[in-house]
Amino acid sequence: MSRIVVFIPGIMGSKLKQPGTGQLLWYEHIRKAVSELVRDASQLRWNPGSVLEPYEVLREVTVPFNRFFKVGICERLSKELADMALIQKLFTYQEYAYDWRQDITETARELGTWFDQFGFTRDPNGKQKKEDVLASK
């Protein structure tokens, strides 16, 4: 199967945690995450060397509105894509979580490196090309 569909969430759409300690910084319980960030807003700023570990796409969030309830933000779309990949075998489905605080050029560079695991390479001009690695699997 040589086709890949990659789900890349928008800003604040990836869960983030501190490397090593595993302490969550941005996660499902939005009110609690925001409260923690308000106490130390420096965590939200990205500086070179300010590394957080993106570990998963944020599918649903718990928000306060008279009482707490869960809101699916990309849960339905990711489930549909995963089902299409599994059942209909139209493509391989992958999700790409990233540190949305960092510069977009750094995110693009990391995404390019991430694609390498699927057999993509770069031509002399830096443009990515697909080799037949997946077709042989």
N, C-alpha and C. Protein backbone atom coordinates (compact mmCIF):
# COMPACT_ATOMS: atom_id res chain seq x y z
N MET A 1 0.86 -1.18 0.00
CA MET A 1 0.00 0.00 0.00
C MET A 1 0.90 1.23 0.00
N SER A 2 0.80 2.07 -1.02
CA SER A 2 1.72 3.18 -1.13
C SER A 2 1.12 4.52 -0.76
N ARG A 3 -0.18 4.57 -0.48
CA ARG A 3 -0.80 5.84 -0.13
C ARG A 3 -0.86 6.01 1.38
N ILE A 4 -0.50 7.21 1.82
CA ILE A 4 -0.52 7.52 3.24
C ILE A 4 -1.37 8.76 3.44
N VAL A 5 -2.27 8.71 4.41
CA VAL A 5 -3.02 9.89 4.83
C VAL A 5 -2.52 10.23 6.22
N VAL A 6 -2.08 11.47 6.38
CA VAL A 6 -1.54 11.93 7.66
C VAL A 6 -2.45 12.99 8.23
N PHE A 7 -2.91 12.77 9.45
CA PHE A 7 -3.72 13.76 10.15
C PHE A 7 -2.78 14.63 10.97
N ILE A 8 -2.76 15.94 10.67
CA ILE A 8 -1.94 16.89 11.41
C ILE A 8 -2.89 17.90 12.05
N PRO A 9 -2.98 17.90 13.38
CA PRO A 9 -3.92 18.80 14.05
C PRO A 9 -3.47 20.26 13.94
N GLY A 10 -4.39 21.16 14.15
CA GLY A 10 -4.08 22.58 14.16
C GLY A 10 -3.41 22.99 15.45
N ILE A 11 -3.25 24.29 15.63
CA ILE A 11 -2.58 24.81 16.82
C ILE A 11 -3.31 24.33 18.08
N MET A 12 -2.55 23.94 19.05
CA MET A 12 -3.02 23.43 20.33
C MET A 12 -3.75 22.09 20.17
N GLY A 13 -3.55 21.41 19.06
CA GLY A 13 -4.23 20.15 18.82
C GLY A 13 -3.42 18.91 19.15
N SER A 14 -2.23 19.11 19.69
CA SER A 14 -1.39 17.99 20.12
C SER A 14 -1.18 18.07 21.62
N LYS A 15 -1.24 16.91 22.28
CA LYS A 15 -0.94 16.86 23.71
C LYS A 15 0.56 17.04 23.89
N LEU A 16 0.94 17.79 24.92
CA LEU A 16 2.35 18.06 25.19
C LEU A 16 2.69 17.68 26.62
N LYS A 17 3.90 17.16 26.81
CA LYS A 17 4.37 16.84 28.15
C LYS A 17 5.85 17.14 28.26
N GLN A 18 6.32 17.26 29.49
CA GLN A 18 7.74 17.50 29.75
C GLN A 18 8.49 16.20 29.49
N PRO A 19 9.57 16.27 28.72
CA PRO A 19 10.36 15.05 28.52
C PRO A 19 11.02 14.63 29.83
N GLY A 20 11.17 13.36 30.01
CA GLY A 20 11.80 12.86 31.25
C GLY A 20 10.80 12.70 32.38
N THR A 21 10.18 13.80 32.81
CA THR A 21 9.25 13.73 33.94
C THR A 21 7.88 13.23 33.51
N GLY A 22 7.52 13.49 32.26
CA GLY A 22 6.19 13.09 31.79
C GLY A 22 5.08 14.00 32.27
N GLN A 23 5.43 15.10 32.95
CA GLN A 23 4.42 16.03 33.45
C GLN A 23 3.65 16.64 32.28
N LEU A 24 2.33 16.55 32.34
CA LEU A 24 1.48 17.06 31.27
C LEU A 24 1.44 18.58 31.29
N LEU A 25 1.51 19.19 30.11
CA LEU A 25 1.40 20.63 30.00
C LEU A 25 0.11 21.00 29.27
N TRP A 26 -0.18 20.31 28.18
CA TRP A 26 -1.39 20.58 27.40
C TRP A 26 -2.06 19.25 27.14
N TYR A 27 -3.31 19.11 27.62
CA TYR A 27 -3.98 17.81 27.55
C TYR A 27 -5.49 18.01 27.58
N GLU A 28 -6.26 16.93 27.70
CA GLU A 28 -7.71 16.95 27.55
C GLU A 28 -8.45 17.92 28.47
N HIS A 29 -8.01 18.02 29.71
CA HIS A 29 -8.73 18.84 30.68
C HIS A 29 -8.27 20.29 30.52
N ILE A 30 -8.92 21.01 29.60
CA ILE A 30 -8.48 22.34 29.18
C ILE A 30 -8.45 23.34 30.33
N ARG A 31 -9.47 23.36 31.17
CA ARG A 31 -9.48 24.33 32.27
C ARG A 31 -8.29 24.15 33.20
N LYS A 32 -8.00 22.92 33.53
CA LYS A 32 -6.87 22.63 34.41
C LYS A 32 -5.55 22.99 33.72
N ALA A 33 -5.40 22.65 32.45
CA ALA A 33 -4.18 22.97 31.71
C ALA A 33 -3.97 24.47 31.62
N VAL A 34 -5.05 25.20 31.31
CA VAL A 34 -4.95 26.66 31.21
C VAL A 34 -4.61 27.26 32.57
N SER A 35 -5.25 26.77 33.65
CA SER A 35 -4.95 27.26 35.00
C SER A 35 -3.48 27.08 35.35
N GLU A 36 -2.93 25.92 34.99
CA GLU A 36 -1.52 25.67 35.26
C GLU A 36 -0.62 26.59 34.44
N LEU A 37 -1.02 26.84 33.20
CA LEU A 37 -0.23 27.72 32.34
C LEU A 37 -0.30 29.17 32.81
N VAL A 38 -1.44 29.58 33.35
CA VAL A 38 -1.58 30.94 33.86
C VAL A 38 -0.63 31.16 35.03
N ARG A 39 -0.48 30.14 35.88
CA ARG A 39 0.45 30.24 37.01
C ARG A 39 1.89 30.38 36.54
N ASP A 40 2.22 29.78 35.41
CA ASP A 40 3.57 29.87 34.86
C ASP A 40 3.48 29.95 33.34
N ALA A 41 3.17 31.13 32.83
CA ALA A 41 2.97 31.33 31.39
C ALA A 41 4.25 31.10 30.58
N SER A 42 5.39 31.10 31.23
CA SER A 42 6.64 30.87 30.51
C SER A 42 6.66 29.49 29.84
N GLN A 43 5.89 28.54 30.38
CA GLN A 43 5.83 27.21 29.79
C GLN A 43 5.24 27.23 28.39
N LEU A 44 4.39 28.22 28.14
CA LEU A 44 3.72 28.30 26.85
C LEU A 44 4.61 28.92 25.78
N ARG A 45 5.58 29.71 26.19
CA ARG A 45 6.50 30.34 25.24
C ARG A 45 7.49 29.32 24.73
N TRP A 46 7.74 29.39 23.44
CA TRP A 46 8.75 28.50 22.88
C TRP A 46 10.04 29.25 22.65
N ASN A 47 11.10 28.71 23.13
CA ASN A 47 12.44 29.22 22.89
C ASN A 47 13.28 28.04 22.42
N PRO A 48 14.30 28.31 21.61
CA PRO A 48 15.18 27.20 21.24
C PRO A 48 15.67 26.50 22.51
N GLY A 49 15.55 25.22 22.54
CA GLY A 49 15.94 24.47 23.74
C GLY A 49 14.77 24.23 24.68
N SER A 50 13.64 24.90 24.45
CA SER A 50 12.44 24.71 25.26
C SER A 50 11.65 23.55 24.66
N VAL A 51 12.10 22.36 24.95
CA VAL A 51 11.55 21.18 24.29
C VAL A 51 10.42 20.56 25.12
N LEU A 52 9.30 20.35 24.49
CA LEU A 52 8.22 19.57 25.08
C LEU A 52 7.99 18.39 24.16
N GLU A 53 7.50 17.33 24.71
CA GLU A 53 7.29 16.12 23.94
C GLU A 53 5.84 16.02 23.48
N PRO A 54 5.61 16.14 22.16
CA PRO A 54 4.27 15.90 21.66
C PRO A 54 4.05 14.40 21.66
N TYR A 55 2.91 13.95 22.18
CA TYR A 55 2.76 12.50 22.27
C TYR A 55 1.47 11.97 21.70
N GLU A 56 0.56 12.82 21.30
CA GLU A 56 -0.70 12.29 20.75
C GLU A 56 -1.55 13.45 20.26
N VAL A 57 -2.40 13.15 19.28
CA VAL A 57 -3.37 14.15 18.81
C VAL A 57 -4.47 14.28 19.85
N LEU A 58 -4.88 15.49 20.12
CA LEU A 58 -5.94 15.78 21.08
C LEU A 58 -7.28 15.55 20.39
N ARG A 59 -7.99 14.48 20.76
CA ARG A 59 -9.24 14.12 20.08
C ARG A 59 -10.47 14.75 20.71
N GLU A 60 -10.45 14.86 22.03
CA GLU A 60 -11.58 15.48 22.72
C GLU A 60 -11.05 16.25 23.92
N VAL A 61 -11.79 17.26 24.34
CA VAL A 61 -11.38 18.08 25.48
C VAL A 61 -12.53 18.16 26.48
N THR A 62 -12.18 18.35 27.74
CA THR A 62 -13.16 18.57 28.79
C THR A 62 -13.18 20.06 29.07
N VAL A 63 -14.33 20.66 28.91
CA VAL A 63 -14.45 22.12 29.09
C VAL A 63 -15.54 22.44 30.10
N PRO A 64 -15.38 23.56 30.83
CA PRO A 64 -16.43 23.96 31.77
C PRO A 64 -17.47 24.82 31.06
N PHE A 65 -18.71 24.49 31.26
CA PHE A 65 -19.83 25.31 30.76
C PHE A 65 -21.01 24.93 31.63
N ASN A 66 -21.22 25.68 32.70
CA ASN A 66 -22.16 25.35 33.76
C ASN A 66 -21.72 24.09 34.51
N ARG A 67 -21.29 23.10 33.82
CA ARG A 67 -20.68 21.90 34.39
C ARG A 67 -19.67 21.39 33.36
N PHE A 68 -18.89 20.42 33.70
CA PHE A 68 -17.87 19.92 32.79
C PHE A 68 -18.48 18.95 31.80
N PHE A 69 -18.08 19.08 30.56
CA PHE A 69 -18.49 18.10 29.58
C PHE A 69 -17.40 17.95 28.53
N LYS A 70 -17.43 16.82 27.82
CA LYS A 70 -16.40 16.53 26.83
C LYS A 70 -16.89 16.95 25.45
N VAL A 71 -15.97 17.52 24.70
CA VAL A 71 -16.26 17.96 23.34
C VAL A 71 -15.27 17.27 22.42
N GLY A 72 -15.78 16.56 21.44
CA GLY A 72 -14.90 15.93 20.46
C GLY A 72 -14.44 16.97 19.45
N ILE A 73 -13.13 17.22 19.39
CA ILE A 73 -12.65 18.25 18.47
C ILE A 73 -12.17 17.66 17.15
N CYS A 74 -11.63 16.48 17.16
CA CYS A 74 -11.27 15.82 15.90
C CYS A 74 -11.46 14.32 16.02
N GLU A 75 -12.19 13.94 17.02
CA GLU A 75 -12.40 12.52 17.30
C GLU A 75 -13.12 11.82 16.14
N ARG A 76 -14.16 12.42 15.63
CA ARG A 76 -14.94 11.78 14.57
C ARG A 76 -14.13 11.63 13.28
N LEU A 77 -13.42 12.71 12.91
CA LEU A 77 -12.62 12.65 11.69
C LEU A 77 -11.52 11.60 11.80
N SER A 78 -10.79 11.59 12.90
CA SER A 78 -9.71 10.62 13.05
C SER A 78 -10.25 9.19 13.08
N LYS A 79 -11.40 8.99 13.70
CA LYS A 79 -12.01 7.65 13.73
C LYS A 79 -12.42 7.21 12.32
N GLU A 80 -13.03 8.11 11.56
CA GLU A 80 -13.44 7.77 10.19
C GLU A 80 -12.23 7.41 9.33
N LEU A 81 -11.17 8.20 9.43
CA LEU A 81 -9.97 7.92 8.65
C LEU A 81 -9.33 6.59 9.05
N ALA A 82 -9.25 6.34 10.36
CA ALA A 82 -8.69 5.08 10.84
C ALA A 82 -9.52 3.90 10.38
N ASP A 83 -10.86 4.03 10.41
CA ASP A 83 -11.75 2.97 9.94
C ASP A 83 -11.57 2.72 8.44
N MET A 84 -11.46 3.79 7.66
CA MET A 84 -11.26 3.64 6.21
C MET A 84 -9.95 2.90 5.92
N ALA A 85 -8.92 3.23 6.67
CA ALA A 85 -7.63 2.58 6.47
C ALA A 85 -7.68 1.11 6.86
N LEU A 86 -8.36 0.82 7.96
CA LEU A 86 -8.41 -0.54 8.48
C LEU A 86 -9.37 -1.43 7.68
N ILE A 87 -10.56 -0.93 7.42
CA ILE A 87 -11.60 -1.75 6.79
C ILE A 87 -11.50 -1.75 5.27
N GLN A 88 -11.42 -0.56 4.68
CA GLN A 88 -11.42 -0.46 3.22
C GLN A 88 -10.02 -0.59 2.62
N LYS A 89 -9.00 -0.45 3.46
CA LYS A 89 -7.61 -0.57 3.04
C LYS A 89 -7.27 0.33 1.84
N LEU A 90 -7.80 1.57 1.89
CA LEU A 90 -7.55 2.51 0.81
C LEU A 90 -6.19 3.20 0.96
N PHE A 91 -5.69 3.25 2.19
CA PHE A 91 -4.45 3.96 2.49
C PHE A 91 -3.98 3.55 3.88
N THR A 92 -2.79 3.98 4.21
CA THR A 92 -2.26 3.83 5.56
C THR A 92 -2.56 5.14 6.29
N TYR A 93 -3.09 5.05 7.48
CA TYR A 93 -3.45 6.24 8.24
C TYR A 93 -2.45 6.46 9.37
N GLN A 94 -1.93 7.67 9.47
CA GLN A 94 -1.01 8.03 10.53
C GLN A 94 -1.42 9.37 11.12
N GLU A 95 -1.04 9.61 12.36
CA GLU A 95 -1.29 10.90 12.99
C GLU A 95 0.06 11.51 13.38
N TYR A 96 0.16 12.81 13.21
CA TYR A 96 1.40 13.50 13.53
C TYR A 96 1.15 14.55 14.59
N ALA A 97 1.59 14.28 15.80
CA ALA A 97 1.51 15.25 16.90
C ALA A 97 2.81 16.04 16.90
N TYR A 98 2.73 17.30 17.25
CA TYR A 98 3.93 18.15 17.23
C TYR A 98 3.82 19.22 18.31
N ASP A 99 4.96 19.84 18.62
CA ASP A 99 4.99 20.92 19.60
C ASP A 99 4.55 22.19 18.87
N TRP A 100 3.29 22.53 19.02
CA TRP A 100 2.69 23.65 18.28
C TRP A 100 3.19 25.01 18.74
N ARG A 101 4.03 25.05 19.77
CA ARG A 101 4.58 26.32 20.23
C ARG A 101 5.78 26.75 19.38
N GLN A 102 6.40 25.80 18.70
CA GLN A 102 7.64 26.11 18.01
C GLN A 102 7.42 26.76 16.65
N ASP A 103 8.48 27.27 16.09
CA ASP A 103 8.48 27.92 14.79
C ASP A 103 8.01 26.94 13.72
N ILE A 104 7.20 27.41 12.78
CA ILE A 104 6.62 26.54 11.75
C ILE A 104 7.70 25.90 10.89
N THR A 105 8.83 26.57 10.68
CA THR A 105 9.90 25.97 9.88
C THR A 105 10.52 24.78 10.61
N GLU A 106 10.61 24.86 11.94
CA GLU A 106 11.12 23.73 12.72
C GLU A 106 10.12 22.57 12.67
N THR A 107 8.84 22.89 12.76
CA THR A 107 7.81 21.85 12.65
C THR A 107 7.90 21.16 11.30
N ALA A 108 8.07 21.94 10.23
CA ALA A 108 8.18 21.36 8.89
C ALA A 108 9.42 20.47 8.78
N ARG A 109 10.52 20.90 9.36
CA ARG A 109 11.75 20.10 9.34
C ARG A 109 11.53 18.77 10.07
N GLU A 110 10.89 18.83 11.23
CA GLU A 110 10.62 17.61 12.00
C GLU A 110 9.64 16.70 11.26
N LEU A 111 8.67 17.30 10.59
CA LEU A 111 7.71 16.50 9.81
C LEU A 111 8.44 15.77 8.68
N GLY A 112 9.37 16.46 8.03
CA GLY A 112 10.16 15.82 6.97
C GLY A 112 10.94 14.63 7.49
N THR A 113 11.55 14.79 8.65
CA THR A 113 12.29 13.68 9.28
C THR A 113 11.34 12.55 9.65
N TRP A 114 10.16 12.90 10.15
CA TRP A 114 9.16 11.89 10.52
C TRP A 114 8.75 11.08 9.29
N PHE A 115 8.60 11.77 8.14
CA PHE A 115 8.22 11.08 6.90
C PHE A 115 9.28 10.09 6.44
N ASP A 116 10.52 10.30 6.82
CA ASP A 116 11.59 9.38 6.42
C ASP A 116 11.28 7.94 6.81
N GLN A 117 10.61 7.74 7.93
CA GLN A 117 10.30 6.38 8.38
C GLN A 117 9.36 5.65 7.42
N PHE A 118 8.69 6.38 6.54
CA PHE A 118 7.77 5.77 5.59
C PHE A 118 8.39 5.61 4.20
N GLY A 119 9.69 5.84 4.09
CA GLY A 119 10.37 5.64 2.83
C GLY A 119 10.45 6.87 1.95
N PHE A 120 10.15 8.04 2.48
CA PHE A 120 10.28 9.26 1.70
C PHE A 120 11.73 9.73 1.79
N THR A 121 12.23 10.27 0.70
CA THR A 121 13.57 10.84 0.68
C THR A 121 13.50 12.20 0.00
N ARG A 122 14.60 12.93 0.05
CA ARG A 122 14.63 14.26 -0.57
C ARG A 122 15.52 14.23 -1.80
N ASP A 123 15.09 14.93 -2.86
CA ASP A 123 15.93 15.07 -4.04
C ASP A 123 16.98 16.15 -3.78
N PRO A 124 17.90 16.38 -4.70
CA PRO A 124 18.96 17.38 -4.46
C PRO A 124 18.44 18.79 -4.17
N ASN A 125 17.21 19.11 -4.58
CA ASN A 125 16.62 20.42 -4.33
C ASN A 125 15.89 20.50 -3.00
N GLY A 126 15.86 19.39 -2.23
CA GLY A 126 15.18 19.38 -0.94
C GLY A 126 13.74 18.94 -1.01
N LYS A 127 13.22 18.71 -2.22
CA LYS A 127 11.83 18.27 -2.37
C LYS A 127 11.73 16.79 -2.00
N GLN A 128 10.72 16.45 -1.22
CA GLN A 128 10.58 15.05 -0.83
C GLN A 128 10.00 14.24 -1.97
N LYS A 129 10.48 13.03 -2.09
CA LYS A 129 9.95 12.10 -3.08
C LYS A 129 9.70 10.78 -2.39
N LYS A 130 8.84 9.99 -2.97
CA LYS A 130 8.44 8.72 -2.38
C LYS A 130 9.14 7.59 -3.11
N GLU A 131 9.78 6.72 -2.37
CA GLU A 131 10.35 5.52 -2.96
C GLU A 131 9.33 4.40 -2.84
N ASP A 132 9.57 3.30 -3.47
CA ASP A 132 8.63 2.18 -3.46
C ASP A 132 8.78 1.29 -2.24
N VAL A 133 9.17 1.84 -1.12
CA VAL A 133 9.34 1.06 0.10
C VAL A 133 8.02 0.48 0.57
N LEU A 134 6.97 1.31 0.62
CA LEU A 134 5.69 0.82 1.11
C LEU A 134 5.02 -0.14 0.14
N ALA A 135 5.24 0.05 -1.15
CA ALA A 135 4.61 -0.81 -2.14
C ALA A 135 5.09 -2.25 -1.99
N SER A 136 6.30 -2.42 -1.47
CA SER A 136 6.84 -3.78 -1.33
C SER A 136 6.39 -4.47 -0.06
N LYS A 137 5.76 -3.73 0.84
CA LYS A 137 5.33 -4.33 2.12
C LYS A 137 4.04 -5.07 1.98
